[in-house]
Amino acid sequence: MKRNVLIIGAGGVAQVVAHKAAQHNDVLGDLHIASRTKAKCEAIIASVQEKAAMKVPGLFQAHAVDAMDSAAVAALIRQTGAQIVINVGSAFVNMTVLEACIQTGAAYMDTAIHEDPKKVCETPPWYGNYEWKRRAACAEAGVTAVLGVGFDPGVVNAWARVAEGLLDRIDSIDIVDINAGSHGRWFATNFDPEINFREFTGTVYSWQGGAWQANKMFEVGREWDLPVVGKQKAYLTGHDEVHSLSARYPQADVRFWMGFGDHYINVFTVLNNLGLLSEKPVKTAEGQEVVPLKLVKAVLPDPASLAPDYTGKTCIGDLVKGEKDGKPAELFLYNIADHKDAYQEVGAQGISYTAGVPPVAAAILIARGDWDLGKMANVEELDPAPFINLLNEIGLPSRIRDDQGDRALWL
């Protein structure tokens, strides 16, 4: 049984992870949180203490670490005695943190594919460019590494695995992510602006007809009629989970759709057309080198600051079509989250909440042994039952809508 958790990162998702881990420290043991700025970690711990979130008396310490330095992360893992590392830092640090876990034997998890700061939209499948190259090393070291265990990727992958057991054949998986909430700001992104914009400035890859298909951002859109949030426009978007689900379900079309309002699209288009979303450095007339995307990130609101004023709900789901007993069948597996409820519980907005609760559930499953597999896996490769059921209990309930109606999903 593994115990003691090290959280890497100190943003909005880390805030959620810290609170939820504290609520389950009877299982997870000592808690530690680390980022480049120790003060941010201390502020998160203070918020945990203010809400008296610790289930039992225990240790929760803040640390400073450069997560781009594998040796430094490995040293911190050894210093803290952490046996489980929850990486919710920037996607730029995945490989260095993973390497530190391989060196120390600690279990690893993240919520997104690794990214190279100098590259955007690499040749798919992106996992094959980075994390999957360390599969053999994880297996040889007996290290558990659960990739993409946020919500999307993460829970949506588990739903696909659930659908696999309910249908005789899967023909398509459409993942739909709608944020029907409002933060009250003129313009802001719900998570790290740099990562957010990088998702949308390159090629939109989907898996259709047994091959990778390429589109431009906002080229393909459709209206969805969804539970609670109603009719919403969403656009075909490149996303992490498409790159692993297409490997498990090569016979199916796998697409990701994200909701955007006209205002977001207009601002994004202007910034992009001006070159302000480029990751490539430029020089000013004074000879200063500036990365436009980092400049835009610097002037936009910190996503964590949006939480107090956020209202409304999110709807994220999988529409899975296929065949059952020789007849066409479809399932919609989904979750509804509320921004205000998230803020009241953990001091974060709903987008951070949906991303932060699943890795804590995964950590609990690793601690209990359910998911401590001693090798690398994406979520759809794992038994979804303990994961979905635990999420139902700790704040992210799943529902399913099919020909039998709309009901809670328990496995």
Protein backbone atom coordinates (compact mmCIF):
# COMPACT_ATOMS: atom_id res chain seq x y z
CA MET A 1 0.00 0.00 0.00
CA LYS A 2 1.44 3.34 -1.08
CA ARG A 3 1.16 6.46 1.09
CA ASN A 4 2.38 10.05 1.22
CA VAL A 5 1.61 12.37 -1.68
CA LEU A 6 3.65 15.06 -3.43
CA ILE A 7 1.62 17.54 -5.51
CA ILE A 8 3.56 19.33 -8.24
CA GLY A 9 2.08 22.71 -9.20
CA ALA A 10 0.33 25.58 -7.44
CA GLY A 11 -2.37 26.77 -9.84
CA GLY A 12 -6.14 26.41 -9.75
CA VAL A 13 -6.10 22.64 -10.34
CA ALA A 14 -3.47 22.16 -7.62
CA GLN A 15 -5.77 24.09 -5.26
CA VAL A 16 -8.48 21.47 -5.86
CA VAL A 17 -6.05 18.57 -5.59
CA ALA A 18 -4.75 19.89 -2.27
CA HIS A 19 -8.22 20.23 -0.77
CA LYS A 20 -9.46 16.86 -1.98
CA ALA A 21 -6.26 15.11 -0.90
CA ALA A 22 -6.64 16.70 2.53
CA GLN A 23 -10.20 15.38 2.71
CA HIS A 24 -8.76 11.88 2.23
CA ASN A 25 -5.47 12.12 4.09
CA ASP A 26 -6.52 9.17 6.23
CA VAL A 27 -5.83 7.05 3.14
CA LEU A 28 -3.18 9.20 1.42
CA GLY A 29 -0.98 9.98 4.44
CA ASP A 30 1.43 12.94 4.60
CA LEU A 31 0.84 15.64 2.01
CA HIS A 32 3.38 17.89 0.28
CA ILE A 33 3.01 20.52 -2.43
CA ALA A 34 5.80 22.06 -4.49
CA SER A 35 6.25 24.65 -7.21
CA ARG A 36 8.83 27.24 -8.22
CA THR A 37 7.17 29.73 -5.87
CA LYS A 38 6.88 28.34 -2.37
CA ALA A 39 4.59 31.19 -1.30
CA LYS A 40 1.89 29.96 -3.71
CA CYS A 41 2.06 26.53 -2.13
CA GLU A 42 1.84 28.04 1.35
CA ALA A 43 -1.27 30.01 0.29
CA ILE A 44 -2.95 26.79 -0.88
CA ILE A 45 -2.14 25.06 2.41
CA ALA A 46 -3.54 28.07 4.27
CA SER A 47 -6.80 27.74 2.32
CA VAL A 48 -6.95 24.04 3.26
CA GLN A 49 -6.49 24.97 6.91
CA GLU A 50 -9.10 27.75 6.72
CA LYS A 51 -11.71 25.24 5.55
CA ALA A 52 -10.51 22.63 8.06
CA ALA A 53 -10.29 20.23 5.14
CA MET A 54 -7.90 17.69 6.71
CA LYS A 55 -9.89 14.58 7.54
CA VAL A 56 -7.45 13.53 10.24
CA PRO A 57 -4.57 15.46 11.85
CA GLY A 58 -1.54 15.17 9.59
CA LEU A 59 1.36 16.78 7.80
CA PHE A 60 0.93 19.21 4.88
CA GLN A 61 4.15 20.96 3.85
CA ALA A 62 5.11 23.44 1.12
CA HIS A 63 8.33 23.23 -0.90
CA ALA A 64 10.10 25.08 -3.69
CA VAL A 65 11.28 23.04 -6.67
CA ASP A 66 12.18 23.53 -10.31
CA ALA A 67 10.03 20.80 -11.87
CA MET A 68 12.05 21.03 -15.09
CA ASP A 69 14.97 19.53 -13.11
CA SER A 70 14.50 15.76 -12.71
CA ALA A 71 17.28 15.46 -10.15
CA ALA A 72 15.71 18.19 -8.00
CA VAL A 73 12.29 16.54 -8.16
CA ALA A 74 13.80 13.14 -7.35
CA ALA A 75 15.61 14.64 -4.36
CA LEU A 76 12.34 16.13 -3.12
CA ILE A 77 10.54 12.81 -3.52
CA ARG A 78 13.20 11.14 -1.41
CA GLN A 79 13.21 13.97 1.16
CA THR A 80 9.44 13.83 1.64
CA GLY A 81 9.10 10.06 1.42
CA ALA A 82 6.34 10.52 -1.15
CA GLN A 83 5.21 7.31 -2.82
CA ILE A 84 2.61 9.01 -5.05
CA VAL A 85 3.28 12.09 -7.20
CA ILE A 86 0.33 14.06 -8.61
CA ASN A 87 1.70 16.24 -11.38
CA VAL A 88 -0.66 19.15 -12.03
CA GLY A 89 2.05 21.58 -13.06
CA SER A 90 2.52 22.85 -16.59
CA ALA A 91 2.44 20.20 -19.34
CA PHE A 92 6.03 21.29 -20.04
CA VAL A 93 7.27 19.41 -16.93
CA ASN A 94 5.66 16.00 -17.50
CA MET A 95 8.74 14.22 -18.75
CA THR A 96 11.10 15.53 -16.06
CA VAL A 97 8.67 14.68 -13.26
CA LEU A 98 7.99 11.26 -14.80
CA GLU A 99 11.72 10.62 -14.98
CA ALA A 100 12.08 11.52 -11.30
CA CYS A 101 9.37 8.98 -10.45
CA ILE A 102 11.11 6.28 -12.48
CA GLN A 103 14.33 7.05 -10.59
CA THR A 104 12.69 6.89 -7.16
CA GLY A 105 9.95 4.29 -7.66
CA ALA A 106 7.14 6.71 -6.82
CA ALA A 107 3.81 6.35 -8.63
CA TYR A 108 3.18 9.09 -11.21
CA MET A 109 0.09 10.71 -12.69
CA ASP A 110 -0.67 13.76 -14.81
CA THR A 111 -3.67 15.38 -16.48
CA ALA A 112 -2.37 16.23 -19.98
CA ILE A 113 0.15 15.15 -22.62
CA HIS A 114 3.67 16.53 -22.33
CA GLU A 115 4.41 19.57 -24.48
CA ASP A 116 7.66 20.98 -25.81
CA PRO A 117 7.55 24.77 -25.33
CA LYS A 118 9.11 25.22 -28.78
CA LYS A 119 6.58 23.05 -30.64
CA VAL A 120 2.83 23.24 -31.28
CA CYS A 121 0.58 20.45 -32.58
CA GLU A 122 3.15 17.78 -33.30
CA THR A 123 2.56 14.73 -35.47
CA PRO A 124 -0.05 12.47 -33.82
CA PRO A 125 -0.33 10.45 -31.74
CA TRP A 126 1.35 12.95 -29.41
CA TYR A 127 1.70 10.44 -26.59
CA GLY A 128 4.00 8.48 -28.88
CA ASN A 129 6.38 11.44 -29.02
CA TYR A 130 6.92 11.59 -25.27
CA GLU A 131 5.29 9.57 -22.45
CA TRP A 132 4.83 6.30 -24.34
CA LYS A 133 8.58 6.21 -25.01
CA ARG A 134 9.04 5.56 -21.26
CA ARG A 135 6.66 2.60 -21.09
CA ALA A 136 9.43 0.04 -20.95
CA ALA A 137 11.33 2.00 -18.29
CA CYS A 138 8.23 2.16 -16.09
CA ALA A 139 7.58 -1.56 -16.47
CA GLU A 140 11.22 -2.41 -15.76
CA ALA A 141 11.21 -0.25 -12.62
CA GLY A 142 7.76 -1.44 -11.56
CA VAL A 143 6.55 2.16 -11.53
CA THR A 144 2.85 2.91 -11.84
CA ALA A 145 2.26 5.81 -14.23
CA VAL A 146 -1.33 6.81 -14.99
CA LEU A 147 -1.46 9.26 -17.88
CA GLY A 148 -4.11 11.90 -18.48
CA VAL A 149 -6.19 11.34 -15.36
CA GLY A 150 -7.98 14.68 -15.17
CA PHE A 151 -11.47 15.01 -16.60
CA ASP A 152 -10.76 15.36 -20.30
CA PRO A 153 -8.52 13.47 -20.68
CA GLY A 154 -9.33 11.17 -17.79
CA VAL A 155 -12.95 10.61 -16.85
CA VAL A 156 -14.01 10.76 -20.50
CA ASN A 157 -11.54 7.93 -21.22
CA ALA A 158 -13.05 5.85 -18.43
CA TRP A 159 -16.53 6.45 -19.87
CA ALA A 160 -15.32 5.12 -23.23
CA ARG A 161 -14.18 1.96 -21.44
CA VAL A 162 -17.60 1.73 -19.76
CA ALA A 163 -19.30 2.02 -23.16
CA GLU A 164 -17.01 -0.72 -24.45
CA GLY A 165 -18.61 -3.06 -21.93
CA LEU A 166 -22.18 -1.97 -22.72
CA LEU A 167 -22.05 -2.12 -26.53
CA ASP A 168 -21.13 -4.96 -28.86
CA ARG A 169 -19.39 -2.55 -31.21
CA ILE A 170 -18.27 1.07 -30.96
CA ASP A 171 -18.50 3.13 -34.16
CA SER A 172 -17.86 6.62 -32.82
CA ILE A 173 -16.86 8.47 -29.67
CA ASP A 174 -17.67 12.18 -29.56
CA ILE A 175 -16.39 13.96 -26.46
CA VAL A 176 -18.24 17.22 -25.77
CA ASP A 177 -16.94 19.84 -23.32
CA ILE A 178 -19.26 22.76 -22.56
CA ASN A 179 -18.67 25.50 -20.01
CA ALA A 180 -21.99 27.31 -19.73
CA GLY A 181 -20.68 29.46 -16.88
CA SER A 182 -19.66 33.11 -16.72
CA HIS A 183 -16.68 34.64 -14.91
CA GLY A 184 -17.69 38.26 -15.47
CA ARG A 185 -14.38 39.33 -17.01
CA TRP A 186 -14.07 40.95 -20.43
CA PHE A 187 -11.75 38.14 -21.53
CA ALA A 188 -9.99 35.33 -19.68
CA THR A 189 -9.06 31.68 -20.08
CA ASN A 190 -10.21 29.01 -17.64
CA PHE A 191 -6.75 27.50 -17.26
CA ASP A 192 -3.16 28.48 -18.07
CA PRO A 193 -3.50 30.89 -21.05
CA GLU A 194 -0.30 29.62 -22.63
CA ILE A 195 -1.51 26.01 -22.66
CA ASN A 196 -5.04 27.07 -23.57
CA PHE A 197 -4.04 29.01 -26.67
CA ARG A 198 -1.48 26.44 -27.79
CA GLU A 199 -4.33 23.91 -28.08
CA PHE A 200 -6.09 26.12 -30.62
CA THR A 201 -3.40 27.73 -32.75
CA GLY A 202 -2.29 24.60 -34.56
CA THR A 203 -3.93 21.85 -36.60
CA VAL A 204 -7.12 20.25 -35.28
CA TYR A 205 -6.53 16.50 -35.40
CA SER A 206 -9.33 13.94 -35.17
CA TRP A 207 -9.41 10.20 -35.84
CA GLN A 208 -11.96 9.40 -38.53
CA GLY A 209 -12.23 6.65 -41.13
CA GLY A 210 -9.25 4.83 -39.65
CA ALA A 211 -6.84 7.73 -40.20
CA TRP A 212 -5.83 11.10 -38.79
CA GLN A 213 -7.85 13.96 -40.25
CA ALA A 214 -6.73 17.59 -40.16
CA ASN A 215 -8.88 20.71 -39.89
CA LYS A 216 -8.44 24.32 -38.87
CA MET A 217 -9.69 25.64 -35.55
CA PHE A 218 -13.34 26.77 -35.67
CA GLU A 219 -13.70 25.23 -39.16
CA VAL A 220 -16.18 22.53 -38.06
CA GLY A 221 -18.94 23.34 -35.58
CA ARG A 222 -22.33 21.98 -34.61
CA GLU A 223 -25.05 22.61 -32.06
CA TRP A 224 -25.51 20.14 -29.23
CA ASP A 225 -28.63 19.74 -27.09
CA LEU A 226 -27.30 18.68 -23.69
CA PRO A 227 -28.66 17.95 -20.22
CA VAL A 228 -29.04 20.99 -17.93
CA VAL A 229 -27.05 23.44 -20.12
CA GLY A 230 -29.36 23.05 -23.14
CA LYS A 231 -28.41 23.93 -26.71
CA GLN A 232 -24.74 24.89 -27.09
CA LYS A 233 -22.42 25.44 -30.08
CA ALA A 234 -19.21 23.43 -29.97
CA TYR A 235 -16.32 23.15 -32.41
CA LEU A 236 -14.15 20.24 -33.49
CA THR A 237 -10.96 20.67 -31.51
CA GLY A 238 -7.72 18.76 -31.18
CA HIS A 239 -7.32 17.27 -27.71
CA ASP A 240 -5.22 14.86 -25.68
CA GLU A 241 -7.62 11.96 -25.28
CA VAL A 242 -8.12 11.53 -29.03
CA HIS A 243 -4.48 10.44 -29.22
CA SER A 244 -4.86 7.49 -26.86
CA LEU A 245 -8.48 6.51 -27.52
CA SER A 246 -7.72 6.18 -31.24
CA ALA A 247 -5.14 3.53 -30.35
CA ARG A 248 -7.63 1.46 -28.35
CA TYR A 249 -10.57 2.02 -30.69
CA PRO A 250 -9.00 2.25 -34.17
CA GLN A 251 -12.25 1.14 -35.80
CA ALA A 252 -14.18 4.07 -34.33
CA ASP A 253 -14.27 7.76 -35.20
CA VAL A 254 -12.90 9.68 -32.22
CA ARG A 255 -13.59 13.42 -32.02
CA PHE A 256 -13.40 16.15 -29.40
CA TRP A 257 -15.77 19.12 -29.35
CA MET A 258 -15.37 22.22 -27.19
CA GLY A 259 -17.84 25.02 -26.65
CA PHE A 260 -16.84 28.59 -27.50
CA GLY A 261 -18.82 31.80 -27.47
CA ASP A 262 -18.61 34.33 -30.30
CA HIS A 263 -16.70 36.78 -28.08
CA TYR A 264 -13.95 34.26 -27.32
CA ILE A 265 -13.64 33.39 -31.01
CA ASN A 266 -13.41 37.05 -32.03
CA VAL A 267 -10.72 37.89 -29.47
CA PHE A 268 -8.79 34.71 -30.24
CA THR A 269 -8.92 35.44 -33.98
CA VAL A 270 -7.60 38.99 -33.57
CA LEU A 271 -4.77 37.88 -31.26
CA ASN A 272 -3.85 35.03 -33.57
CA ASN A 273 -3.94 37.13 -36.75
CA LEU A 274 -1.69 39.72 -35.13
CA GLY A 275 0.85 37.02 -34.24
CA LEU A 276 0.34 37.53 -30.51
CA LEU A 277 -0.31 33.83 -29.90
CA SER A 278 2.99 32.70 -31.41
CA GLU A 279 5.35 30.65 -29.25
CA LYS A 280 8.32 31.88 -31.31
CA PRO A 281 10.42 34.78 -29.92
CA VAL A 282 10.44 38.18 -31.62
CA LYS A 283 12.66 41.21 -31.04
CA THR A 284 11.36 44.66 -30.18
CA ALA A 285 12.81 47.83 -31.67
CA GLU A 286 14.87 48.14 -28.49
CA GLY A 287 16.42 44.71 -29.08
CA GLN A 288 14.50 42.92 -26.33
CA GLU A 289 13.50 39.34 -27.09
CA VAL A 290 9.85 38.60 -26.29
CA VAL A 291 7.66 35.51 -26.75
CA PRO A 292 4.27 36.98 -27.79
CA LEU A 293 2.27 34.16 -26.22
CA LYS A 294 3.99 34.66 -22.86
CA LEU A 295 3.27 38.39 -23.05
CA VAL A 296 -0.44 37.72 -23.62
CA LYS A 297 -0.40 35.29 -20.70
CA ALA A 298 1.14 37.95 -18.48
CA VAL A 299 -1.60 40.52 -19.14
CA LEU A 300 -4.58 38.16 -18.84
CA PRO A 301 -6.24 37.35 -15.49
CA ASP A 302 -4.83 34.46 -13.49
CA PRO A 303 -7.39 31.65 -14.03
CA ALA A 304 -7.40 30.99 -10.28
CA SER A 305 -8.60 34.57 -9.70
CA LEU A 306 -11.84 33.89 -11.61
CA ALA A 307 -13.26 31.53 -8.99
CA PRO A 308 -15.05 33.95 -6.61
CA ASP A 309 -17.23 35.46 -9.35
CA TYR A 310 -17.88 32.36 -11.45
CA THR A 311 -21.49 31.29 -11.92
CA GLY A 312 -23.22 28.62 -14.00
CA LYS A 313 -22.49 25.02 -14.82
CA THR A 314 -20.35 22.77 -16.99
CA CYS A 315 -21.44 19.72 -18.96
CA ILE A 316 -18.82 17.26 -20.19
CA GLY A 317 -19.82 14.00 -21.79
CA ASP A 318 -19.15 11.14 -24.21
CA LEU A 319 -21.66 10.42 -26.96
CA VAL A 320 -20.84 6.85 -27.96
CA LYS A 321 -22.59 5.24 -30.93
CA GLY A 322 -22.38 1.63 -32.03
CA GLU A 323 -24.32 -1.61 -32.02
CA LYS A 324 -26.01 -3.74 -29.35
CA ASP A 325 -27.70 -7.06 -30.12
CA GLY A 326 -27.57 -6.35 -33.83
CA LYS A 327 -29.28 -2.97 -33.51
CA PRO A 328 -27.94 0.62 -33.60
CA ALA A 329 -27.36 1.96 -30.09
CA GLU A 330 -26.05 5.12 -28.49
CA LEU A 331 -25.08 6.21 -24.98
CA PHE A 332 -24.40 9.62 -23.50
CA LEU A 333 -22.26 9.46 -20.37
CA TYR A 334 -21.81 12.82 -18.66
CA ASN A 335 -21.25 14.99 -15.60
CA ILE A 336 -22.68 18.34 -14.56
CA ALA A 337 -20.54 20.56 -12.31
CA ASP A 338 -21.43 23.87 -10.70
CA HIS A 339 -18.92 26.73 -10.41
CA LYS A 340 -20.35 28.16 -7.18
CA ASP A 341 -20.48 24.75 -5.52
CA ALA A 342 -16.83 24.20 -6.42
CA TYR A 343 -15.82 27.57 -4.99
CA GLN A 344 -17.70 27.00 -1.75
CA GLU A 345 -16.06 23.61 -1.24
CA VAL A 346 -12.46 24.14 -2.35
CA GLY A 347 -12.08 27.82 -3.34
CA ALA A 348 -11.74 27.09 -7.07
CA GLN A 349 -13.93 27.39 -10.16
CA GLY A 350 -15.66 24.44 -11.80
CA ILE A 351 -13.12 23.90 -14.60
CA SER A 352 -10.36 23.45 -12.04
CA TYR A 353 -12.64 21.26 -9.94
CA THR A 354 -13.41 18.83 -12.74
CA ALA A 355 -9.69 18.58 -13.56
CA GLY A 356 -8.48 18.30 -9.96
CA VAL A 357 -10.80 15.75 -8.35
CA PRO A 358 -10.01 12.79 -10.69
CA PRO A 359 -6.25 12.62 -9.99
CA VAL A 360 -7.01 12.48 -6.27
CA ALA A 361 -9.42 9.62 -6.92
CA ALA A 362 -6.64 7.91 -8.89
CA ALA A 363 -4.20 8.49 -6.02
CA ILE A 364 -6.65 6.86 -3.61
CA LEU A 365 -7.00 3.87 -5.96
CA ILE A 366 -3.23 3.56 -6.19
CA ALA A 367 -2.94 3.80 -2.40
CA ARG A 368 -5.57 1.09 -2.01
CA GLY A 369 -3.95 -1.09 -4.67
CA ASP A 370 -6.79 -1.06 -7.22
CA TRP A 371 -4.75 0.88 -9.78
CA ASP A 372 -1.21 0.21 -8.54
CA LEU A 373 -0.31 -1.70 -11.69
CA GLY A 374 3.48 -1.28 -11.78
CA LYS A 375 3.53 0.00 -15.36
CA MET A 376 2.34 2.88 -17.54
CA ALA A 377 -1.27 3.13 -18.69
CA ASN A 378 -3.81 5.56 -20.04
CA VAL A 379 -7.12 5.63 -18.18
CA GLU A 380 -9.09 3.61 -20.75
CA GLU A 381 -6.70 0.70 -20.15
CA LEU A 382 -7.76 0.48 -16.48
CA ASP A 383 -10.83 -0.95 -14.77
CA PRO A 384 -13.26 2.00 -14.75
CA ALA A 385 -15.57 0.70 -12.01
CA PRO A 386 -13.63 1.75 -8.88
CA PHE A 387 -12.76 5.10 -10.48
CA ILE A 388 -16.30 6.03 -11.56
CA ASN A 389 -17.82 4.85 -8.28
CA LEU A 390 -15.28 6.73 -6.18
CA LEU A 391 -15.84 9.93 -8.18
CA ASN A 392 -19.57 9.53 -7.52
CA GLU A 393 -18.78 9.57 -3.81
CA ILE A 394 -16.29 12.45 -3.71
CA GLY A 395 -17.86 15.12 -5.88
CA LEU A 396 -18.03 14.26 -9.59
CA PRO A 397 -21.05 12.02 -10.17
CA SER A 398 -21.46 10.33 -13.55
CA ARG A 399 -24.79 9.94 -15.33
CA ILE A 400 -25.84 7.94 -18.38
CA ARG A 401 -28.59 8.67 -20.89
CA ASP A 402 -29.73 5.89 -23.23
CA ASP A 403 -32.92 4.20 -24.41
CA GLN A 404 -33.72 3.35 -20.78
CA GLY A 405 -33.73 7.01 -19.74
CA ASP A 406 -31.39 9.24 -17.76
CA ARG A 407 -29.92 7.90 -14.51
CA ALA A 408 -26.93 7.88 -12.18
CA LEU A 409 -24.08 5.65 -13.38
CA TRP A 410 -22.78 3.13 -10.85
CA LEU A 411 -20.66 0.15 -11.83
